[in-house]
């Protein structure tokens, strides 16, 4: 296996000499995706608690279906 720094050197060399726009576009897309992966949102304790509360409510059947919500909205809008 090639060490990381050697891979970087080889990639930089090949990228700097290519004129293939499609290849460069795909490399840019991959690099962009990598940076998005690093941008992970971490929930605050309050947000985590709210999510857990919602999951517990779902587990206990304390939710409305989409159809039930639509019916409530229809009734509310007719008032």
PDB file of N, CA and C in Angstrom:
ATOM      1  N   UNK A   1       0.840  -1.181   0.000  1.00  0.00           N
ATOM      2  CA  UNK A   1       0.000   0.000   0.000  1.00  0.00           C
ATOM      3  C   UNK A   1       0.886   1.246   0.000  1.00  0.00           C
ATOM      4  N   UNK A   2       0.470   2.237  -0.745  1.00  0.00           N
ATOM      5  CA  UNK A   2       1.236   3.477  -0.854  1.00  0.00           C
ATOM      6  C   UNK A   2       0.907   4.376   0.328  1.00  0.00           C
ATOM      7  N   UNK A   3       1.929   4.913   1.015  1.00  0.00           N
ATOM      8  CA  UNK A   3       1.653   5.834   2.129  1.00  0.00           C
ATOM      9  C   UNK A   3       0.871   7.054   1.647  1.00  0.00           C
ATOM     10  N   UNK A   4       0.081   7.650   2.570  1.00  0.00           N
ATOM     11  CA  UNK A   4      -0.786   8.772   2.239  1.00  0.00           C
ATOM     12  C   UNK A   4      -0.094   9.925   1.550  1.00  0.00           C
ATOM     13  N   UNK A   5       1.072  10.328   2.033  1.00  0.00           N
ATOM     14  CA  UNK A   5       1.753  11.474   1.432  1.00  0.00           C
ATOM     15  C   UNK A   5       2.193  11.166   0.006  1.00  0.00           C
ATOM     16  N   UNK A   6       2.567   9.921  -0.262  1.00  0.00           N
ATOM     17  CA  UNK A   6       2.968   9.517  -1.617  1.00  0.00           C
ATOM     18  C   UNK A   6       1.764   9.563  -2.555  1.00  0.00           C
ATOM     19  N   UNK A   7       0.625   9.115  -2.070  1.00  0.00           N
ATOM     20  CA  UNK A   7      -0.611   9.169  -2.876  1.00  0.00           C
ATOM     21  C   UNK A   7      -0.936  10.616  -3.208  1.00  0.00           C
ATOM     22  N   UNK A   8      -0.834  11.498  -2.227  1.00  0.00           N
ATOM     23  CA  UNK A   8      -1.113  12.919  -2.462  1.00  0.00           C
ATOM     24  C   UNK A   8      -0.188  13.480  -3.529  1.00  0.00           C
ATOM     25  N   UNK A   9       1.096  13.160  -3.430  1.00  0.00           N
ATOM     26  CA  UNK A   9       2.065  13.652  -4.407  1.00  0.00           C
ATOM     27  C   UNK A   9       1.724  13.176  -5.813  1.00  0.00           C
ATOM     28  N   UNK A  10       1.368  11.898  -5.930  1.00  0.00           N
ATOM     29  CA  UNK A  10       1.023  11.348  -7.243  1.00  0.00           C
ATOM     30  C   UNK A  10      -0.239  12.003  -7.794  1.00  0.00           C
ATOM     31  N   UNK A  11      -1.251  12.188  -6.931  1.00  0.00           N
ATOM     32  CA  UNK A  11      -2.489  12.823  -7.382  1.00  0.00           C
ATOM     33  C   UNK A  11      -2.240  14.260  -7.816  1.00  0.00           C
ATOM     34  N   UNK A  12      -1.487  14.997  -7.023  1.00  0.00           N
ATOM     35  CA  UNK A  12      -1.182  16.390  -7.368  1.00  0.00           C
ATOM     36  C   UNK A  12      -0.467  16.462  -8.709  1.00  0.00           C
ATOM     37  N   UNK A  13       0.472  15.578  -8.915  1.00  0.00           N
ATOM     38  CA  UNK A  13       1.220  15.540 -10.173  1.00  0.00           C
ATOM     39  C   UNK A  13       0.287  15.261 -11.348  1.00  0.00           C
ATOM     40  N   UNK A  14      -0.556  14.242 -11.222  1.00  0.00           N
ATOM     41  CA  UNK A  14      -1.455  13.880 -12.317  1.00  0.00           C
ATOM     42  C   UNK A  14      -2.493  14.965 -12.563  1.00  0.00           C
ATOM     43  N   UNK A  15      -3.041  15.537 -11.488  1.00  0.00           N
ATOM     44  CA  UNK A  15      -4.044  16.596 -11.635  1.00  0.00           C
ATOM     45  C   UNK A  15      -3.435  17.810 -12.314  1.00  0.00           C
ATOM     46  N   UNK A  16      -2.220  18.163 -11.934  1.00  0.00           N
ATOM     47  CA  UNK A  16      -1.597  19.363 -12.496  1.00  0.00           C
ATOM     48  C   UNK A  16      -1.289  19.215 -13.990  1.00  0.00           C
ATOM     49  N   UNK A  17      -1.195  17.989 -14.484  1.00  0.00           N
ATOM     50  CA  UNK A  17      -0.857  17.782 -15.892  1.00  0.00           C
ATOM     51  C   UNK A  17      -2.045  17.392 -16.768  1.00  0.00           C
ATOM     52  N   UNK A  18      -3.204  17.199 -16.188  1.00  0.00           N
ATOM     53  CA  UNK A  18      -4.342  16.778 -17.006  1.00  0.00           C
ATOM     54  C   UNK A  18      -5.081  17.983 -17.578  1.00  0.00           C
ATOM     55  N   UNK A  19      -5.623  17.789 -18.746  1.00  0.00           N
ATOM     56  CA  UNK A  19      -6.473  18.794 -19.385  1.00  0.00           C
ATOM     57  C   UNK A  19      -7.917  18.280 -19.471  1.00  0.00           C
ATOM     58  N   UNK A  20      -8.155  17.112 -18.904  1.00  0.00           N
ATOM     59  CA  UNK A  20      -9.454  16.466 -18.973  1.00  0.00           C
ATOM     60  C   UNK A  20     -10.421  17.164 -18.007  1.00  0.00           C
ATOM     61  N   UNK A  21     -11.293  18.004 -18.562  1.00  0.00           N
ATOM     62  CA  UNK A  21     -12.225  18.793 -17.750  1.00  0.00           C
ATOM     63  C   UNK A  21     -13.198  17.905 -16.972  1.00  0.00           C
ATOM     64  N   UNK A  22     -13.639  16.823 -17.590  1.00  0.00           N
ATOM     65  CA  UNK A  22     -14.568  15.910 -16.916  1.00  0.00           C
ATOM     66  C   UNK A  22     -13.905  15.277 -15.698  1.00  0.00           C
ATOM     67  N   UNK A  23     -12.665  14.836 -15.872  1.00  0.00           N
ATOM     68  CA  UNK A  23     -11.923  14.252 -14.754  1.00  0.00           C
ATOM     69  C   UNK A  23     -11.741  15.273 -13.635  1.00  0.00           C
ATOM     70  N   UNK A  24     -11.359  16.483 -13.991  1.00  0.00           N
ATOM     71  CA  UNK A  24     -11.173  17.533 -12.992  1.00  0.00           C
ATOM     72  C   UNK A  24     -12.484  17.854 -12.277  1.00  0.00           C
ATOM     73  N   UNK A  25     -13.564  17.850 -13.020  1.00  0.00           N
ATOM     74  CA  UNK A  25     -14.879  18.107 -12.427  1.00  0.00           C
ATOM     75  C   UNK A  25     -15.246  17.014 -11.428  1.00  0.00           C
ATOM     76  N   UNK A  26     -14.981  15.768 -11.786  1.00  0.00           N
ATOM     77  CA  UNK A  26     -15.292  14.653 -10.890  1.00  0.00           C
ATOM     78  C   UNK A  26     -14.412  14.680  -9.638  1.00  0.00           C
ATOM     79  N   UNK A  27     -13.152  15.026  -9.804  1.00  0.00           N
ATOM     80  CA  UNK A  27     -12.260  15.139  -8.648  1.00  0.00           C
ATOM     81  C   UNK A  27     -12.753  16.243  -7.717  1.00  0.00           C
ATOM     82  N   UNK A  28     -13.136  17.378  -8.297  1.00  0.00           N
ATOM     83  CA  UNK A  28     -13.652  18.491  -7.492  1.00  0.00           C
ATOM     84  C   UNK A  28     -14.909  18.072  -6.737  1.00  0.00           C
ATOM     85  N   UNK A  29     -15.779  17.310  -7.405  1.00  0.00           N
ATOM     86  CA  UNK A  29     -17.008  16.833  -6.759  1.00  0.00           C
ATOM     87  C   UNK A  29     -16.667  15.923  -5.578  1.00  0.00           C
ATOM     88  N   UNK A  30     -15.717  15.018  -5.767  1.00  0.00           N
ATOM     89  CA  UNK A  30     -15.324  14.115  -4.685  1.00  0.00           C
ATOM     90  C   UNK A  30     -14.715  14.873  -3.513  1.00  0.00           C
ATOM     91  N   UNK A  31     -13.890  15.855  -3.809  1.00  0.00           N
ATOM     92  CA  UNK A  31     -13.279  16.648  -2.740  1.00  0.00           C
ATOM     93  C   UNK A  31     -14.363  17.416  -1.994  1.00  0.00           C
ATOM     94  N   UNK A  32     -15.326  17.936  -2.721  1.00  0.00           N
ATOM     95  CA  UNK A  32     -16.434  18.663  -2.090  1.00  0.00           C
ATOM     96  C   UNK A  32     -17.248  17.728  -1.200  1.00  0.00           C
ATOM     97  N   UNK A  33     -17.529  16.514  -1.682  1.00  0.00           N
ATOM     98  CA  UNK A  33     -18.277  15.547  -0.883  1.00  0.00           C
ATOM     99  C   UNK A  33     -17.519  15.202   0.393  1.00  0.00           C
ATOM    100  N   UNK A  34     -16.207  15.068   0.291  1.00  0.00           N
ATOM    101  CA  UNK A  34     -15.380  14.759   1.465  1.00  0.00           C
ATOM    102  C   UNK A  34     -15.519  15.861   2.506  1.00  0.00           C
ATOM    103  N   UNK A  35     -15.513  17.127   2.058  1.00  0.00           N
ATOM    104  CA  UNK A  35     -15.619  18.227   3.021  1.00  0.00           C
ATOM    105  C   UNK A  35     -17.006  18.255   3.657  1.00  0.00           C
ATOM    106  N   UNK A  36     -18.045  17.853   2.919  1.00  0.00           N
ATOM    107  CA  UNK A  36     -19.389  17.802   3.486  1.00  0.00           C
ATOM    108  C   UNK A  36     -19.495  16.733   4.555  1.00  0.00           C
ATOM    109  N   UNK A  37     -18.815  15.617   4.352  1.00  0.00           N
ATOM    110  CA  UNK A  37     -18.849  14.524   5.319  1.00  0.00           C
ATOM    111  C   UNK A  37     -18.259  14.982   6.645  1.00  0.00           C
ATOM    112  N   UNK A  38     -17.245  15.821   6.586  1.00  0.00           N
ATOM    113  CA  UNK A  38     -16.604  16.302   7.800  1.00  0.00           C
ATOM    114  C   UNK A  38     -17.491  17.286   8.562  1.00  0.00           C
ATOM    115  N   UNK A  39     -18.470  17.891   7.886  1.00  0.00           N
ATOM    116  CA  UNK A  39     -19.355  18.868   8.507  1.00  0.00           C
ATOM    117  C   UNK A  39     -20.548  18.168   9.155  1.00  0.00           C
ATOM    118  N   UNK A  40     -20.289  17.370  10.160  1.00  0.00           N
ATOM    119  CA  UNK A  40     -21.336  16.627  10.848  1.00  0.00           C
ATOM    120  C   UNK A  40     -21.945  17.520  11.922  1.00  0.00           C
ATOM    121  N   UNK A  41     -23.259  17.588  11.937  1.00  0.00           N
ATOM    122  CA  UNK A  41     -23.944  18.387  12.948  1.00  0.00           C
ATOM    123  C   UNK A  41     -24.102  17.549  14.208  1.00  0.00           C
ATOM    124  N   UNK A  42     -23.702  18.112  15.318  1.00  0.00           N
ATOM    125  CA  UNK A  42     -23.829  17.422  16.597  1.00  0.00           C
ATOM    126  C   UNK A  42     -24.988  18.041  17.377  1.00  0.00           C
ATOM    127  N   UNK A  43     -25.888  17.190  17.831  1.00  0.00           N
ATOM    128  CA  UNK A  43     -27.042  17.661  18.584  1.00  0.00           C
ATOM    129  C   UNK A  43     -26.631  18.142  19.968  1.00  0.00           C
ATOM    130  N   UNK A  44     -27.296  19.198  20.408  1.00  0.00           N
ATOM    131  CA  UNK A  44     -27.094  19.652  21.778  1.00  0.00           C
ATOM    132  C   UNK A  44     -27.819  18.676  22.696  1.00  0.00           C
ATOM    133  N   UNK A  45     -27.524  18.705  23.995  1.00  0.00           N
ATOM    134  CA  UNK A  45     -28.262  17.820  24.914  1.00  0.00           C
ATOM    135  C   UNK A  45     -29.775  18.037  24.850  1.00  0.00           C
ATOM    136  N   UNK A  46     -30.197  19.293  24.678  1.00  0.00           N
ATOM    137  CA  UNK A  46     -31.632  19.586  24.594  1.00  0.00           C
ATOM    138  C   UNK A  46     -32.237  18.996  23.328  1.00  0.00           C
ATOM    139  N   UNK A  47     -31.523  19.116  22.202  1.00  0.00           N
ATOM    140  CA  UNK A  47     -32.010  18.560  20.945  1.00  0.00           C
ATOM    141  C   UNK A  47     -32.074  17.038  21.015  1.00  0.00           C
ATOM    142  N   UNK A  48     -31.060  16.432  21.608  1.00  0.00           N
ATOM    143  CA  UNK A  48     -31.030  14.972  21.754  1.00  0.00           C
ATOM    144  C   UNK A  48     -32.212  14.519  22.610  1.00  0.00           C
ATOM    145  N   UNK A  49     -32.495  15.260  23.676  1.00  0.00           N
ATOM    146  CA  UNK A  49     -33.624  14.930  24.542  1.00  0.00           C
ATOM    147  C   UNK A  49     -34.947  15.040  23.792  1.00  0.00           C
ATOM    148  N   UNK A  50     -35.080  16.082  22.970  1.00  0.00           N
ATOM    149  CA  UNK A  50     -36.312  16.261  22.193  1.00  0.00           C
ATOM    150  C   UNK A  50     -36.492  15.123  21.189  1.00  0.00           C
ATOM    151  N   UNK A  51     -35.413  14.713  20.538  1.00  0.00           N
ATOM    152  CA  UNK A  51     -35.490  13.595  19.589  1.00  0.00           C
ATOM    153  C   UNK A  51     -35.890  12.320  20.318  1.00  0.00           C
ATOM    154  N   UNK A  52     -35.271  12.057  21.455  1.00  0.00           N
ATOM    155  CA  UNK A  52     -35.603  10.855  22.222  1.00  0.00           C
ATOM    156  C   UNK A  52     -37.051  10.879  22.694  1.00  0.00           C
ATOM    157  N   UNK A  53     -37.529  12.063  23.072  1.00  0.00           N
ATOM    158  CA  UNK A  53     -38.929  12.192  23.490  1.00  0.00           C
ATOM    159  C   UNK A  53     -39.852  11.862  22.320  1.00  0.00           C
ATOM    160  N   UNK A  54     -39.515  12.369  21.133  1.00  0.00           N
ATOM    161  CA  UNK A  54     -40.320  12.072  19.947  1.00  0.00           C
ATOM    162  C   UNK A  54     -40.317  10.593  19.608  1.00  0.00           C
ATOM    163  N   UNK A  55     -39.169   9.960  19.720  1.00  0.00           N
ATOM    164  CA  UNK A  55     -39.085   8.523  19.444  1.00  0.00           C
ATOM    165  C   UNK A  55     -39.913   7.718  20.440  1.00  0.00           C
ATOM    166  N   UNK A  56     -39.901   8.143  21.690  1.00  0.00           N
ATOM    167  CA  UNK A  56     -40.713   7.474  22.713  1.00  0.00           C
ATOM    168  C   UNK A  56     -42.195   7.642  22.402  1.00  0.00           C
ATOM    169  N   UNK A  57     -42.591   8.844  21.988  1.00  0.00           N
ATOM    170  CA  UNK A  57     -43.990   9.084  21.633  1.00  0.00           C
ATOM    171  C   UNK A  57     -44.417   8.190  20.469  1.00  0.00           C
ATOM    172  N   UNK A  58     -43.555   8.070  19.476  1.00  0.00           N
ATOM    173  CA  UNK A  58     -43.885   7.204  18.342  1.00  0.00           C
ATOM    174  C   UNK A  58     -44.033   5.760  18.805  1.00  0.00           C
ATOM    175  N   UNK A  59     -43.101   5.314  19.638  1.00  0.00           N
ATOM    176  CA  UNK A  59     -43.144   3.945  20.146  1.00  0.00           C
ATOM    177  C   UNK A  59     -44.440   3.693  20.914  1.00  0.00           C
ATOM    178  N   UNK A  60     -44.950   4.716  21.623  1.00  0.00           N
ATOM    179  CA  UNK A  60     -46.167   4.590  22.416  1.00  0.00           C
ATOM    180  C   UNK A  60     -47.431   4.893  21.614  1.00  0.00           C
ATOM    181  N   UNK A  61     -47.287   5.093  20.298  1.00  0.00           N
ATOM    182  CA  UNK A  61     -48.452   5.343  19.449  1.00  0.00           C
ATOM    183  C   UNK A  61     -49.014   6.740  19.579  1.00  0.00           C
ATOM    184  N   UNK A  62     -48.242   7.657  20.117  1.00  0.00           N
ATOM    185  CA  UNK A  62     -48.708   9.035  20.316  1.00  0.00           C
ATOM    186  C   UNK A  62     -48.312   9.898  19.121  1.00  0.00           C
ATOM    187  N   UNK A  63     -48.987   9.650  18.003  1.00  0.00           N
ATOM    188  CA  UNK A  63     -48.710  10.420  16.794  1.00  0.00           C
ATOM    189  C   UNK A  63     -49.946  10.408  15.919  1.00  0.00           C
ATOM    190  N   UNK A  64     -49.963  11.314  14.956  1.00  0.00           N
ATOM    191  CA  UNK A  64     -51.048  11.370  13.983  1.00  0.00           C
ATOM    192  C   UNK A  64     -50.478  11.021  12.616  1.00  0.00           C
ATOM    193  N   UNK A  65     -51.291  10.357  11.811  1.00  0.00           N
ATOM    194  CA  UNK A  65     -50.863  10.048  10.449  1.00  0.00           C
ATOM    195  C   UNK A  65     -50.987  11.303   9.594  1.00  0.00           C
ATOM    196  N   UNK A  66     -50.398  11.250   8.432  1.00  0.00           N
ATOM    197  CA  UNK A  66     -50.491  12.368   7.499  1.00  0.00           C
ATOM    198  C   UNK A  66     -51.950  12.654   7.147  1.00  0.00           C
ATOM    199  N   UNK A  67     -52.737  11.604   6.962  1.00  0.00           N
ATOM    200  CA  UNK A  67     -54.154  11.778   6.627  1.00  0.00           C
ATOM    201  C   UNK A  67     -54.904  12.462   7.772  1.00  0.00           C
ATOM    202  N   UNK A  68     -54.594  12.070   9.022  1.00  0.00           N
ATOM    203  CA  UNK A  68     -55.252  12.684  10.174  1.00  0.00           C
ATOM    204  C   UNK A  68     -54.894  14.167  10.284  1.00  0.00           C
ATOM    205  N   UNK A  69     -53.661  14.502  10.040  1.00  0.00           N
ATOM    206  CA  UNK A  69     -53.242  15.906  10.078  1.00  0.00           C
ATOM    207  C   UNK A  69     -53.930  16.695   8.979  1.00  0.00           C
ATOM    208  N   UNK A  70     -53.986  16.121   7.773  1.00  0.00           N
ATOM    209  CA  UNK A  70     -54.663  16.805   6.667  1.00  0.00           C
ATOM    210  C   UNK A  70     -56.130  17.051   6.991  1.00  0.00           C
ATOM    211  N   UNK A  71     -56.791  16.077   7.599  1.00  0.00           N
ATOM    212  CA  UNK A  71     -58.197  16.238   7.975  1.00  0.00           C
ATOM    213  C   UNK A  71     -58.345  17.364   9.006  1.00  0.00           C
ATOM    214  N   UNK A  72     -57.435  17.421   9.979  1.00  0.00           N
ATOM    215  CA  UNK A  72     -57.482  18.496  10.969  1.00  0.00           C
ATOM    216  C   UNK A  72     -57.281  19.853  10.315  1.00  0.00           C
ATOM    217  N   UNK A  73     -56.343  19.950   9.364  1.00  0.00           N
ATOM    218  CA  UNK A  73     -56.101  21.208   8.671  1.00  0.00           C
ATOM    219  C   UNK A  73     -57.334  21.595   7.854  1.00  0.00           C
ATOM    220  N   UNK A  74     -57.931  20.627   7.162  1.00  0.00           N
ATOM    221  CA  UNK A  74     -59.126  20.913   6.372  1.00  0.00           C
ATOM    222  C   UNK A  74     -60.236  21.453   7.269  1.00  0.00           C
ATOM    223  N   UNK A  75     -60.446  20.811   8.404  1.00  0.00           N
ATOM    224  CA  UNK A  75     -61.474  21.248   9.349  1.00  0.00           C
ATOM    225  C   UNK A  75     -61.156  22.651   9.866  1.00  0.00           C
ATOM    226  N   UNK A  76     -59.896  22.895  10.179  1.00  0.00           N
ATOM    227  CA  UNK A  76     -59.476  24.191  10.714  1.00  0.00           C
ATOM    228  C   UNK A  76     -59.655  25.294   9.667  1.00  0.00           C
ATOM    229  N   UNK A  77     -59.331  24.994   8.407  1.00  0.00           N
ATOM    230  CA  UNK A  77     -59.438  25.989   7.352  1.00  0.00           C
ATOM    231  C   UNK A  77     -60.883  26.330   7.014  1.00  0.00           C
ATOM    232  N   UNK A  78     -61.823  25.414   7.281  1.00  0.00           N
ATOM    233  CA  UNK A  78     -63.227  25.634   6.962  1.00  0.00           C
ATOM    234  C   UNK A  78     -63.909  26.513   8.007  1.00  0.00           C
ATOM    235  N   UNK A  79     -63.277  26.735   9.142  1.00  0.00           N
ATOM    236  CA  UNK A  79     -63.889  27.552  10.198  1.00  0.00           C
ATOM    237  C   UNK A  79     -63.971  28.993   9.824  1.00  0.00           C
TER     238      UNK A  79
END
